[in-house]
């Protein structure tokens, strides 16, 4: 489903133009809870179409252009006189001036992926000027325009809906409430949840509005969504306030979230499987030991609910959208046991999240910089790399703000290929950062790891064989599929007549495209494609072109 912005009224001081002329349809809002990050902008629907005109939301100058096979794909940054920067991503193509700028840089570096920072005010863009066409480049799940507004000095992404008056009168919906046990400060435990139902008069009620627990140190959580129009797209709520016996103990507003804190989404929220058919996404109203400064508006005792007696206590949750529409629910909670002692931690070692941690044991080395973890935690680890290729570091659910270093001695049988050793953990792949007596990896998660040797070169797929002669016309486009199953594609180079040419690579589809242009002369020409993976395995594909 989608949500439609049916009417907008702008303030005179911040009258931004919307970047598309198509119907104002938003499929993703700011602060949405995405895998490993908060959504940093708005996703505008292009109705699954490519090449819609993209316009500058305000006058300014192009301050940055980035071309990437992943992430935002082709993106343009425009700096405005008011100290804001508008960002346009997943573009398919740029206007002639920007295209020429990018092409010049690509040929200078002999690399498709470039990042350019033009001098201020050298490339002026007027409000409403068409400068690009929408697309599906980078890590995009379908054609759309990702749009951001950032602060020029701090590069902080801001909630774009703060800059527009949206005609929104629909109240947010609260779906579930939940409680966690915080008796062990290193490991919050999910206890219980209750659905929230909607009555015919549009009011909400908690199906279990009087909850009795055995725990006395509690954390509260909820799931909710917001819509701009009936049956619209389900987006995240803007802010939440939590009251305990009438006192505000927690509040947050998703108006600005630093990219440095993007992974905090893993600590701020959690997916809880209630059954094989039902999983809920909860937003926690309590804080870990370490948290991003400025992320929360008001927190008493880090949002923890302390029950000093066995009486019922009132809990009230109020959520808001960007237009200040609010929804509230109330319930009561009591405990049968007010014991505040934390349980003992069963682990190999204890990691204080406020300090650097380093250990070398059983031919395994682990380094966790201070402030990498949000909670102090017990650590369990097992190194069977030599016999099974496996490495275990627990708890697997620990959320890391940044990377930790893991190293171990290379097994004797793998020494000859030690530069080609990769570490797999689920869908993540980690590459060696040091290859001496021991091999080290920079990891973004704990859990189960498998050491693998990658000696297989990348694959190149095409309908041609090297013995064939490719006959092409003047403006023809040619495509390859290039992939590497283990370490992944790292470098790719195309040569025609021994001259490097630009090949556009889209990592999500493994597609490499070459567009013939006037720079490619007619005649019989040697064509060569080189593809290298992240541990140095290389494939070379050669044949001849016969261009008319």
Protein backbone atom coordinates (compact mmCIF):
# COMPACT_ATOMS: atom_id res chain seq x y z
CA UNK A 1 0.00 0.00 0.00
CA UNK A 2 1.00 3.59 -0.50
CA UNK A 3 0.21 6.86 1.16
CA UNK A 4 -0.79 9.91 -0.83
CA UNK A 5 -0.13 13.50 0.11
CA UNK A 6 -3.33 15.09 -1.09
CA UNK A 7 -2.69 18.67 -0.08
CA UNK A 8 0.24 20.71 1.11
CA UNK A 9 0.64 24.25 2.33
CA UNK A 10 4.12 25.72 2.66
CA UNK A 11 5.46 28.32 5.05
CA UNK A 12 6.76 31.45 3.36
CA UNK A 13 10.26 31.03 4.79
CA UNK A 14 10.75 27.40 3.71
CA UNK A 15 8.79 27.02 0.51
CA UNK A 16 10.43 23.91 -0.93
CA UNK A 17 9.40 22.52 -4.28
CA UNK A 18 8.67 18.81 -4.36
CA UNK A 19 11.24 17.01 -6.53
CA UNK A 20 8.79 15.14 -8.78
CA UNK A 21 5.80 16.25 -10.83
CA UNK A 22 4.12 12.85 -10.53
CA UNK A 23 1.40 12.30 -7.88
CA UNK A 24 2.86 12.94 -4.43
CA UNK A 25 3.14 9.37 -3.23
CA UNK A 26 5.51 8.46 -0.40
CA UNK A 27 6.39 4.80 0.14
CA UNK A 28 8.85 5.28 3.00
CA UNK A 29 9.14 8.02 5.63
CA UNK A 30 11.98 9.41 7.74
CA UNK A 31 13.02 7.28 10.71
CA UNK A 32 11.54 4.04 9.45
CA UNK A 33 13.11 1.01 11.12
CA UNK A 34 15.20 -0.58 8.38
CA UNK A 35 17.75 -3.45 8.65
CA UNK A 36 20.80 -1.99 10.45
CA UNK A 37 19.73 1.64 9.95
CA UNK A 38 17.05 4.27 10.35
CA UNK A 39 15.67 5.51 7.02
CA UNK A 40 17.32 8.89 6.48
CA UNK A 41 14.80 10.49 4.12
CA UNK A 42 11.61 10.09 2.09
CA UNK A 43 11.00 7.55 -0.66
CA UNK A 44 8.89 9.03 -3.47
CA UNK A 45 7.06 6.55 -5.69
CA UNK A 46 7.60 6.77 -9.43
CA UNK A 47 4.84 4.22 -10.02
CA UNK A 48 7.53 1.66 -10.88
CA UNK A 49 8.64 3.82 -13.81
CA UNK A 50 12.13 4.94 -14.77
CA UNK A 51 13.30 8.29 -16.12
CA UNK A 52 10.82 10.64 -14.46
CA UNK A 53 12.10 14.26 -14.39
CA UNK A 54 13.77 15.19 -11.08
CA UNK A 55 13.73 18.89 -10.13
CA UNK A 56 15.75 20.94 -7.66
CA UNK A 57 13.68 21.55 -4.53
CA UNK A 58 15.34 24.95 -4.03
CA UNK A 59 17.98 27.09 -5.76
CA UNK A 60 21.61 26.40 -4.92
CA UNK A 61 24.75 24.83 -6.31
CA UNK A 62 25.83 21.23 -6.88
CA UNK A 63 28.22 20.43 -4.03
CA UNK A 64 28.63 16.69 -4.51
CA UNK A 65 28.02 14.00 -7.11
CA UNK A 66 28.53 10.34 -6.29
CA UNK A 67 28.38 7.33 -8.60
CA UNK A 68 28.25 3.92 -6.91
CA UNK A 69 27.20 0.37 -7.74
CA UNK A 70 25.72 0.04 -4.24
CA UNK A 71 24.16 2.36 -1.64
CA UNK A 72 22.52 5.41 -3.19
CA UNK A 73 23.68 4.55 -6.73
CA UNK A 74 23.84 7.76 -8.75
CA UNK A 75 23.21 10.68 -6.40
CA UNK A 76 23.37 14.49 -6.52
CA UNK A 77 23.74 16.91 -3.59
CA UNK A 78 22.59 20.54 -3.89
CA UNK A 79 23.62 23.09 -1.24
CA UNK A 80 21.13 25.91 -0.61
CA UNK A 81 21.65 29.44 0.78
CA UNK A 82 19.69 28.58 3.95
CA UNK A 83 22.36 26.11 5.11
CA UNK A 84 20.48 22.99 4.01
CA UNK A 85 21.50 20.37 1.46
CA UNK A 86 18.97 18.43 -0.62
CA UNK A 87 19.97 14.94 -1.75
CA UNK A 88 18.53 12.97 -4.69
CA UNK A 89 19.37 9.26 -4.97
CA UNK A 90 19.01 6.13 -7.14
CA UNK A 91 19.04 8.35 -10.24
CA UNK A 92 19.24 6.81 -13.70
CA UNK A 93 20.95 9.69 -15.52
CA UNK A 94 22.14 13.26 -15.00
CA UNK A 95 21.90 16.39 -17.15
CA UNK A 96 24.62 16.93 -19.81
CA UNK A 97 26.79 19.18 -17.63
CA UNK A 98 26.86 16.74 -14.72
CA UNK A 99 27.27 13.76 -17.05
CA UNK A 100 30.34 15.34 -18.62
CA UNK A 101 31.76 16.17 -15.17
CA UNK A 102 31.35 12.55 -14.05
CA UNK A 103 32.69 11.10 -17.29
CA UNK A 104 35.84 13.21 -17.08
CA UNK A 105 36.51 12.03 -13.52
CA UNK A 106 35.86 8.38 -14.41
CA UNK A 107 38.35 8.45 -17.27
CA UNK A 108 40.91 10.26 -15.12
CA UNK A 109 40.70 7.58 -12.41
CA UNK A 110 39.84 4.70 -14.78
CA UNK A 111 37.10 3.67 -12.41
CA UNK A 112 33.31 3.73 -12.69
CA UNK A 113 32.65 4.59 -9.04
CA UNK A 114 33.62 8.20 -8.35
CA UNK A 115 32.80 10.97 -5.89
CA UNK A 116 33.14 14.59 -6.97
CA UNK A 117 33.00 17.78 -4.90
CA UNK A 118 32.70 20.73 -7.32
CA UNK A 119 33.89 24.08 -6.03
CA UNK A 120 31.08 26.10 -4.39
CA UNK A 121 28.79 27.93 -6.79
CA UNK A 122 30.51 26.62 -9.96
CA UNK A 123 27.47 24.56 -11.01
CA UNK A 124 24.38 26.63 -10.20
CA UNK A 125 20.94 25.03 -10.10
CA UNK A 126 17.70 27.02 -9.98
CA UNK A 127 14.64 26.02 -8.03
CA UNK A 128 12.48 23.79 -10.23
CA UNK A 129 15.29 23.10 -12.70
CA UNK A 130 15.33 19.62 -14.22
CA UNK A 131 18.79 18.15 -13.58
CA UNK A 132 18.31 14.35 -13.53
CA UNK A 133 16.00 11.44 -14.31
CA UNK A 134 14.80 9.00 -11.67
CA UNK A 135 15.98 5.42 -11.68
CA UNK A 136 16.80 2.26 -9.76
CA UNK A 137 20.57 2.42 -9.25
CA UNK A 138 22.41 1.28 -6.13
CA UNK A 139 20.72 -0.72 -3.36
CA UNK A 140 17.23 0.07 -4.55
CA UNK A 141 14.44 -2.50 -4.38
CA UNK A 142 12.58 -0.89 -7.28
CA UNK A 143 12.34 2.38 -9.24
CA UNK A 144 11.80 5.34 -6.89
CA UNK A 145 13.42 8.58 -5.74
CA UNK A 146 15.08 8.66 -2.33
CA UNK A 147 15.14 12.28 -1.10
CA UNK A 148 16.90 13.81 1.90
CA UNK A 149 17.46 17.19 3.51
CA UNK A 150 20.68 17.57 5.52
CA UNK A 151 22.30 20.26 7.60
CA UNK A 152 25.21 21.69 5.59
CA UNK A 153 27.65 22.03 8.51
CA UNK A 154 26.98 18.80 10.42
CA UNK A 155 25.74 16.65 7.48
CA UNK A 156 22.96 15.53 9.84
CA UNK A 157 19.96 14.14 7.89
CA UNK A 158 16.80 15.97 8.95
CA UNK A 159 13.18 14.89 8.74
CA UNK A 160 12.02 16.44 5.41
CA UNK A 161 8.41 16.62 6.59
CA UNK A 162 9.50 19.30 9.08
CA UNK A 163 9.89 21.65 6.12
CA UNK A 164 6.39 21.21 4.67
CA UNK A 165 2.92 21.66 6.09
CA UNK A 166 1.10 18.42 5.37
CA UNK A 167 -2.69 18.20 5.45
CA UNK A 168 -2.80 15.18 7.75
CA UNK A 169 -5.66 14.64 10.21
CA UNK A 170 -5.34 10.87 10.67
CA UNK A 171 -4.34 9.59 14.10
CA UNK A 172 -1.48 7.10 14.51
CA UNK A 173 -2.31 3.49 15.36
CA UNK A 174 -0.76 1.61 18.29
CA UNK A 175 -0.69 -2.12 17.55
CA UNK A 176 1.02 -3.81 20.50
CA UNK A 177 2.51 -3.10 23.91
CA UNK A 178 5.17 -5.21 25.61
CA UNK A 179 7.29 -5.50 28.74
CA UNK A 180 10.93 -6.49 29.19
CA UNK A 181 12.74 -7.62 32.32
CA UNK A 182 15.68 -5.34 33.10
CA UNK A 183 16.86 -7.23 36.19
CA UNK A 184 20.03 -8.09 34.29
CA UNK A 185 21.24 -4.76 32.93
CA UNK A 186 23.47 -6.55 30.43
CA UNK A 187 20.65 -8.53 28.82
CA UNK A 188 17.07 -7.17 28.63
CA UNK A 189 14.63 -10.07 28.32
CA UNK A 190 11.29 -9.93 26.50
CA UNK A 191 8.52 -10.98 28.88
CA UNK A 192 5.06 -10.46 27.50
CA UNK A 193 3.07 -8.54 24.88
CA UNK A 194 -0.55 -7.60 24.41
CA UNK A 195 -2.30 -6.49 21.21
CA UNK A 196 -4.09 -3.15 21.05
CA UNK A 197 -7.52 -3.21 19.41
CA UNK A 198 -9.47 -0.48 17.65
CA UNK A 199 -13.16 0.10 18.43
CA UNK A 200 -15.82 1.35 16.03
CA UNK A 201 -15.59 4.83 17.53
CA UNK A 202 -11.88 4.89 16.53
CA UNK A 203 -10.65 4.60 20.12
CA UNK A 204 -8.03 2.03 21.17
CA UNK A 205 -7.89 -0.38 24.08
CA UNK A 206 -5.27 -2.84 25.34
CA UNK A 207 -6.70 -6.35 25.41
CA UNK A 208 -4.77 -7.06 28.62
CA UNK A 209 -5.01 -3.75 30.45
CA UNK A 210 -4.11 -5.17 33.88
CA UNK A 211 -0.87 -7.13 33.79
CA UNK A 212 0.71 -9.01 36.70
CA UNK A 213 4.40 -9.92 36.43
CA UNK A 214 6.99 -11.62 38.62
CA UNK A 215 9.54 -8.95 37.73
CA UNK A 216 10.01 -5.57 39.38
CA UNK A 217 12.52 -3.82 37.07
CA UNK A 218 10.74 -3.37 33.77
CA UNK A 219 11.14 -1.83 30.36
CA UNK A 220 8.18 -0.86 28.16
CA UNK A 221 7.96 -1.23 24.38
CA UNK A 222 5.35 -0.77 21.65
CA UNK A 223 4.67 -1.21 17.96
CA UNK A 224 2.77 1.45 16.00
CA UNK A 225 2.35 3.01 12.57
CA UNK A 226 1.03 6.19 10.99
CA UNK A 227 -0.84 7.05 7.78
CA UNK A 228 -1.49 10.31 5.96
CA UNK A 229 -4.71 9.09 4.32
CA UNK A 230 -7.05 6.16 5.00
CA UNK A 231 -5.67 2.85 3.69
CA UNK A 232 -2.37 4.60 3.05
CA UNK A 233 1.14 3.28 3.48
CA UNK A 234 2.06 2.22 7.03
CA UNK A 235 4.90 4.46 8.18
CA UNK A 236 6.70 4.91 11.47
CA UNK A 237 5.36 7.29 14.11
CA UNK A 238 7.29 10.51 14.69
CA UNK A 239 7.51 10.60 18.49
CA UNK A 240 6.47 8.84 21.68
CA UNK A 241 5.97 9.78 25.35
CA UNK A 242 5.73 7.28 28.21
CA UNK A 243 4.23 8.15 31.61
CA UNK A 244 4.51 6.10 34.81
CA UNK A 245 1.94 7.06 37.46
CA UNK A 246 1.54 10.43 35.73
CA UNK A 247 5.25 11.21 35.49
CA UNK A 248 6.97 11.50 32.10
CA UNK A 249 9.82 8.96 32.16
CA UNK A 250 10.61 8.65 28.45
CA UNK A 251 10.24 10.58 25.19
CA UNK A 252 11.84 10.63 21.75
CA UNK A 253 11.27 12.45 18.44
CA UNK A 254 12.64 11.26 15.10
CA UNK A 255 13.57 14.69 13.75
CA UNK A 256 17.32 14.19 13.21
CA UNK A 257 19.44 11.04 13.39
CA UNK A 258 23.17 11.06 12.71
CA UNK A 259 24.56 8.58 10.19
CA UNK A 260 27.07 7.62 12.90
CA UNK A 261 24.12 6.37 14.95
CA UNK A 262 22.35 4.53 12.12
CA UNK A 263 23.06 1.09 13.61
CA UNK A 264 21.46 2.19 16.89
CA UNK A 265 18.22 1.03 15.27
CA UNK A 266 19.24 -2.50 16.32
CA UNK A 267 19.21 -1.44 19.98
CA UNK A 268 16.25 0.95 19.71
CA UNK A 269 14.00 -1.70 18.20
CA UNK A 270 13.63 -5.47 18.15
CA UNK A 271 11.68 -8.02 16.11
CA UNK A 272 9.96 -10.49 18.41
CA UNK A 273 8.47 -13.71 17.08
CA UNK A 274 5.23 -14.40 18.93
CA UNK A 275 4.41 -17.45 16.81
CA UNK A 276 5.41 -19.00 13.50
CA UNK A 277 2.86 -16.74 11.82
CA UNK A 278 3.31 -13.52 13.79
CA UNK A 279 6.36 -11.32 14.34
CA UNK A 280 6.10 -7.81 15.78
CA UNK A 281 8.59 -4.93 15.52
CA UNK A 282 8.90 -3.26 18.91
CA UNK A 283 10.30 0.18 19.76
CA UNK A 284 11.86 0.22 23.22
CA UNK A 285 11.05 2.97 25.71
CA UNK A 286 14.13 2.33 27.83
CA UNK A 287 17.79 3.11 27.30
CA UNK A 288 20.92 0.94 27.25
CA UNK A 289 24.04 1.84 29.21
CA UNK A 290 25.41 3.79 26.25
CA UNK A 291 23.21 5.62 23.75
CA UNK A 292 23.57 8.43 21.18
CA UNK A 293 23.68 11.87 22.85
CA UNK A 294 20.70 13.98 21.86
CA UNK A 295 18.68 11.03 20.55
CA UNK A 296 16.16 11.19 23.40
CA UNK A 297 14.13 14.20 24.52
CA UNK A 298 13.41 13.35 28.14
CA UNK A 299 14.27 10.25 30.14
CA UNK A 300 14.01 9.62 33.87
CA UNK A 301 16.08 6.70 35.17
CA UNK A 302 16.69 5.71 31.52
CA UNK A 303 12.99 4.89 31.13
CA UNK A 304 13.14 2.01 33.60
CA UNK A 305 9.97 1.17 35.51
CA UNK A 306 10.73 0.30 39.15
CA UNK A 307 7.96 -1.36 41.14
CA UNK A 308 8.55 -0.86 44.88
CA UNK A 309 5.35 -2.56 46.02
CA UNK A 310 2.69 -5.01 44.86
CA UNK A 311 0.09 -2.36 43.97
CA UNK A 312 -1.16 -1.62 40.46
CA UNK A 313 0.59 1.27 38.70
CA UNK A 314 -0.59 3.31 35.72
CA UNK A 315 1.22 3.22 32.37
CA UNK A 316 0.29 5.72 29.66
CA UNK A 317 1.74 5.81 26.15
CA UNK A 318 1.19 8.74 23.75
CA UNK A 319 2.46 8.64 20.15
CA UNK A 320 2.47 11.49 17.60
CA UNK A 321 2.95 12.00 13.87
CA UNK A 322 4.69 14.99 12.23
CA UNK A 323 1.39 16.91 12.12
CA UNK A 324 0.96 16.56 15.92
CA UNK A 325 -1.91 14.08 15.61
CA UNK A 326 -1.74 11.97 18.75
CA UNK A 327 -3.00 8.67 20.06
CA UNK A 328 -2.89 7.46 23.67
CA UNK A 329 -3.48 4.20 25.52
CA UNK A 330 -3.43 3.31 29.22
CA UNK A 331 -2.94 0.11 31.18
CA UNK A 332 -1.98 -1.07 34.66
CA UNK A 333 0.89 -3.25 35.82
CA UNK A 334 1.87 -4.80 39.17
CA UNK A 335 4.52 -7.20 40.43
CA UNK A 336 4.37 -10.16 42.78
CA UNK A 337 8.01 -9.80 43.74
CA UNK A 338 10.04 -6.60 44.14
CA UNK A 339 13.58 -8.00 44.10
CA UNK A 340 16.20 -5.75 42.51
CA UNK A 341 19.19 -8.08 42.49
CA UNK A 342 20.64 -8.83 39.07
CA UNK A 343 21.24 -12.45 38.19
CA UNK A 344 24.76 -13.78 37.84
CA UNK A 345 26.36 -13.68 34.42
CA UNK A 346 27.42 -17.07 33.05
CA UNK A 347 30.23 -16.27 30.63
CA UNK A 348 33.93 -16.66 29.89
CA UNK A 349 34.75 -12.97 30.44
CA UNK A 350 32.91 -9.73 31.16
CA UNK A 351 33.11 -6.74 28.79
CA UNK A 352 32.65 -3.25 30.23
CA UNK A 353 31.11 -1.29 27.34
CA UNK A 354 32.74 1.95 28.54
CA UNK A 355 36.31 0.60 28.23
CA UNK A 356 38.54 -0.94 25.59
CA UNK A 357 38.50 -4.73 25.82
CA UNK A 358 41.21 -7.09 24.59
CA UNK A 359 41.78 -10.79 25.16
CA UNK A 360 44.12 -13.41 23.72
CA UNK A 361 43.16 -16.97 24.59
CA UNK A 362 43.05 -20.36 22.86
CA UNK A 363 44.82 -18.95 19.77
CA UNK A 364 42.03 -16.37 19.47
CA UNK A 365 42.36 -12.60 19.81
CA UNK A 366 39.39 -10.26 20.30
CA UNK A 367 39.52 -6.47 20.50
CA UNK A 368 36.36 -4.47 21.27
CA UNK A 369 36.91 -0.68 21.39
CA UNK A 370 35.19 1.33 24.11
CA UNK A 371 31.63 2.38 23.22
CA UNK A 372 31.28 -0.34 20.56
CA UNK A 373 28.64 -2.13 22.63
CA UNK A 374 25.55 -0.40 24.03
CA UNK A 375 25.46 -2.70 27.08
CA UNK A 376 28.18 -4.24 29.20
CA UNK A 377 27.92 -7.98 28.66
CA UNK A 378 29.35 -11.37 29.37
CA UNK A 379 31.26 -12.87 26.45
CA UNK A 380 31.40 -16.54 25.50
CA UNK A 381 33.75 -17.68 22.74
CA UNK A 382 35.01 -20.89 21.19
CA UNK A 383 37.77 -21.30 18.60
CA UNK A 384 37.70 -24.52 16.55
CA UNK A 385 39.06 -22.93 13.37
CA UNK A 386 41.95 -25.40 13.17
CA UNK A 387 39.72 -28.49 13.20
CA UNK A 388 36.35 -27.33 11.83
CA UNK A 389 36.90 -23.81 10.50
CA UNK A 390 34.30 -22.54 12.99
CA UNK A 391 34.45 -19.64 15.43
CA UNK A 392 31.77 -18.72 17.97
CA UNK A 393 31.43 -15.41 19.83
CA UNK A 394 28.33 -14.94 21.97
CA UNK A 395 25.92 -13.32 22.71
CA UNK A 396 24.94 -13.29 19.04
CA UNK A 397 22.18 -10.75 19.76
CA UNK A 398 24.65 -8.12 21.02
CA UNK A 399 24.35 -4.97 18.91
CA UNK A 400 27.59 -3.34 17.77
CA UNK A 401 27.76 0.39 17.06
CA UNK A 402 31.04 -0.03 15.17
CA UNK A 403 33.48 -2.80 14.31
CA UNK A 404 35.47 -5.14 16.52
CA UNK A 405 38.66 -6.97 15.56
CA UNK A 406 38.85 -10.78 15.61
CA UNK A 407 42.10 -12.63 14.90
CA UNK A 408 43.42 -16.18 15.06
CA UNK A 409 46.36 -18.27 13.95
CA UNK A 410 46.06 -19.57 10.40
CA UNK A 411 45.77 -23.38 10.39
CA UNK A 412 48.86 -25.06 8.88
CA UNK A 413 46.84 -26.64 6.07
CA UNK A 414 45.59 -23.20 4.94
CA UNK A 415 48.87 -21.28 5.08
CA UNK A 416 49.46 -21.42 1.32
CA UNK A 417 46.11 -19.66 0.74
CA UNK A 418 46.11 -17.37 3.78
CA UNK A 419 45.55 -14.26 1.62
CA UNK A 420 42.34 -15.82 0.31
CA UNK A 421 40.68 -16.63 3.64
CA UNK A 422 37.26 -15.07 4.22
CA UNK A 423 35.03 -15.21 7.29
CA UNK A 424 31.30 -15.84 6.75
CA UNK A 425 28.54 -15.12 9.26
CA UNK A 426 25.04 -15.57 7.90
CA UNK A 427 24.71 -13.28 4.88
CA UNK A 428 27.75 -11.20 5.93
CA UNK A 429 31.26 -11.71 4.58
CA UNK A 430 34.40 -10.31 6.22
CA UNK A 431 37.78 -9.93 4.54
CA UNK A 432 41.28 -10.17 6.05
CA UNK A 433 42.85 -6.87 7.11
CA UNK A 434 46.18 -8.43 8.10
CA UNK A 435 47.88 -11.63 6.90
CA UNK A 436 51.00 -12.36 8.95
CA UNK A 437 51.28 -15.20 11.46
CA UNK A 438 47.65 -14.60 12.36
CA UNK A 439 44.77 -13.38 10.24
CA UNK A 440 42.54 -10.53 11.47
CA UNK A 441 39.02 -9.46 10.50
CA UNK A 442 36.95 -6.36 11.23
CA UNK A 443 33.46 -7.67 12.12
CA UNK A 444 30.11 -5.91 12.62
CA UNK A 445 28.37 -8.66 14.60
CA UNK A 446 28.90 -11.56 16.99
CA UNK A 447 27.59 -15.07 16.50
CA UNK A 448 28.70 -18.08 14.47
CA UNK A 449 31.50 -17.65 11.93
CA UNK A 450 32.84 -20.01 9.27
CA UNK A 451 36.32 -19.70 7.77
CA UNK A 452 36.38 -20.38 4.02
CA UNK A 453 39.04 -20.31 1.32
CA UNK A 454 38.17 -18.42 -1.86
CA UNK A 455 40.32 -19.59 -4.77
CA UNK A 456 37.58 -19.38 -7.40
CA UNK A 457 37.73 -16.54 -9.91
CA UNK A 458 34.65 -14.39 -10.64
CA UNK A 459 32.25 -15.57 -13.33
CA UNK A 460 31.39 -13.67 -16.50
CA UNK A 461 28.17 -14.55 -18.30
CA UNK A 462 27.38 -13.45 -21.84
CA UNK A 463 25.79 -14.96 -24.92
CA UNK A 464 29.12 -14.71 -26.72
CA UNK A 465 32.22 -16.86 -26.63
CA UNK A 466 35.71 -15.48 -27.03
CA UNK A 467 35.91 -17.02 -30.50
CA UNK A 468 32.95 -15.05 -31.81
CA UNK A 469 33.04 -11.65 -33.43
CA UNK A 470 30.56 -9.14 -32.06
CA UNK A 471 29.01 -6.88 -34.67
CA UNK A 472 27.65 -3.70 -33.14
CA UNK A 473 25.92 -0.63 -34.47
CA UNK A 474 26.81 2.96 -33.61
CA UNK A 475 24.70 3.47 -30.45
CA UNK A 476 24.28 -0.12 -29.26
CA UNK A 477 24.44 -1.17 -25.61
CA UNK A 478 26.12 -4.37 -24.47
CA UNK A 479 25.64 -6.14 -21.13
CA UNK A 480 27.45 -8.75 -19.06
CA UNK A 481 26.54 -10.54 -15.85
CA UNK A 482 29.52 -10.67 -13.48
CA UNK A 483 29.46 -12.24 -10.03
CA UNK A 484 31.56 -13.91 -7.37
CA UNK A 485 29.86 -16.29 -4.95
CA UNK A 486 32.26 -15.99 -2.01
CA UNK A 487 34.24 -12.79 -1.51
CA UNK A 488 32.32 -10.72 -4.08
CA UNK A 489 33.24 -8.54 -7.06
CA UNK A 490 35.80 -5.87 -6.19
CA UNK A 491 37.24 -4.48 -9.43
CA UNK A 492 36.03 -4.49 -13.03
CA UNK A 493 37.68 -2.96 -16.08
CA UNK A 494 36.64 -2.77 -19.72
CA UNK A 495 39.10 -2.12 -22.56
CA UNK A 496 38.35 -1.47 -26.23
CA UNK A 497 41.30 -1.26 -28.58
CA UNK A 498 43.52 -1.33 -25.44
CA UNK A 499 41.81 1.82 -24.11
CA UNK A 500 39.93 1.82 -20.80
CA UNK A 501 36.19 2.58 -21.22
CA UNK A 502 33.35 3.17 -18.76
CA UNK A 503 31.31 0.15 -17.73
CA UNK A 504 28.29 0.80 -15.48
CA UNK A 505 27.99 -1.84 -12.78
CA UNK A 506 24.81 -2.55 -10.78
CA UNK A 507 25.74 -4.75 -7.82
CA UNK A 508 22.21 -5.89 -6.93
CA UNK A 509 21.64 -7.38 -10.41
CA UNK A 510 25.31 -8.28 -11.11
CA UNK A 511 24.90 -6.44 -14.41
CA UNK A 512 27.74 -4.59 -16.14
CA UNK A 513 26.65 -2.37 -19.04
CA UNK A 514 28.69 -0.64 -21.72
CA UNK A 515 27.13 2.07 -23.88
CA UNK A 516 28.92 2.55 -27.20
CA UNK A 517 29.46 6.21 -28.07
CA UNK A 518 31.36 8.41 -30.49
CA UNK A 519 34.61 7.75 -28.63
CA UNK A 520 34.61 4.16 -29.90
CA UNK A 521 36.00 4.09 -33.45
CA UNK A 522 34.62 1.83 -36.21
CA UNK A 523 36.47 -1.26 -37.43
CA UNK A 524 37.80 -4.49 -35.94
CA UNK A 525 38.62 -3.85 -32.28
CA UNK A 526 39.94 -6.05 -29.46
CA UNK A 527 37.59 -6.09 -26.44
CA UNK A 528 38.74 -7.16 -22.96
CA UNK A 529 36.90 -7.44 -19.64
CA UNK A 530 38.81 -7.96 -16.38
CA UNK A 531 36.96 -8.85 -13.16
CA UNK A 532 38.67 -9.30 -9.79
CA UNK A 533 37.21 -10.41 -6.45
CA UNK A 534 38.09 -9.10 -2.98
CA UNK A 535 40.89 -11.61 -2.38
CA UNK A 536 42.63 -11.18 -5.74
CA UNK A 537 41.15 -13.92 -7.94
CA UNK A 538 40.83 -12.59 -11.48
CA UNK A 539 38.93 -13.48 -14.66
CA UNK A 540 39.86 -12.09 -18.09
CA UNK A 541 37.37 -12.30 -20.97
CA UNK A 542 38.52 -11.34 -24.48
CA UNK A 543 37.06 -11.23 -27.99
CA UNK A 544 36.79 -8.92 -31.01
CA UNK A 545 34.32 -6.24 -31.98
CA UNK A 546 33.41 -5.42 -35.54
CA UNK A 547 31.85 -1.98 -35.33
CA UNK A 548 30.14 -0.39 -38.32
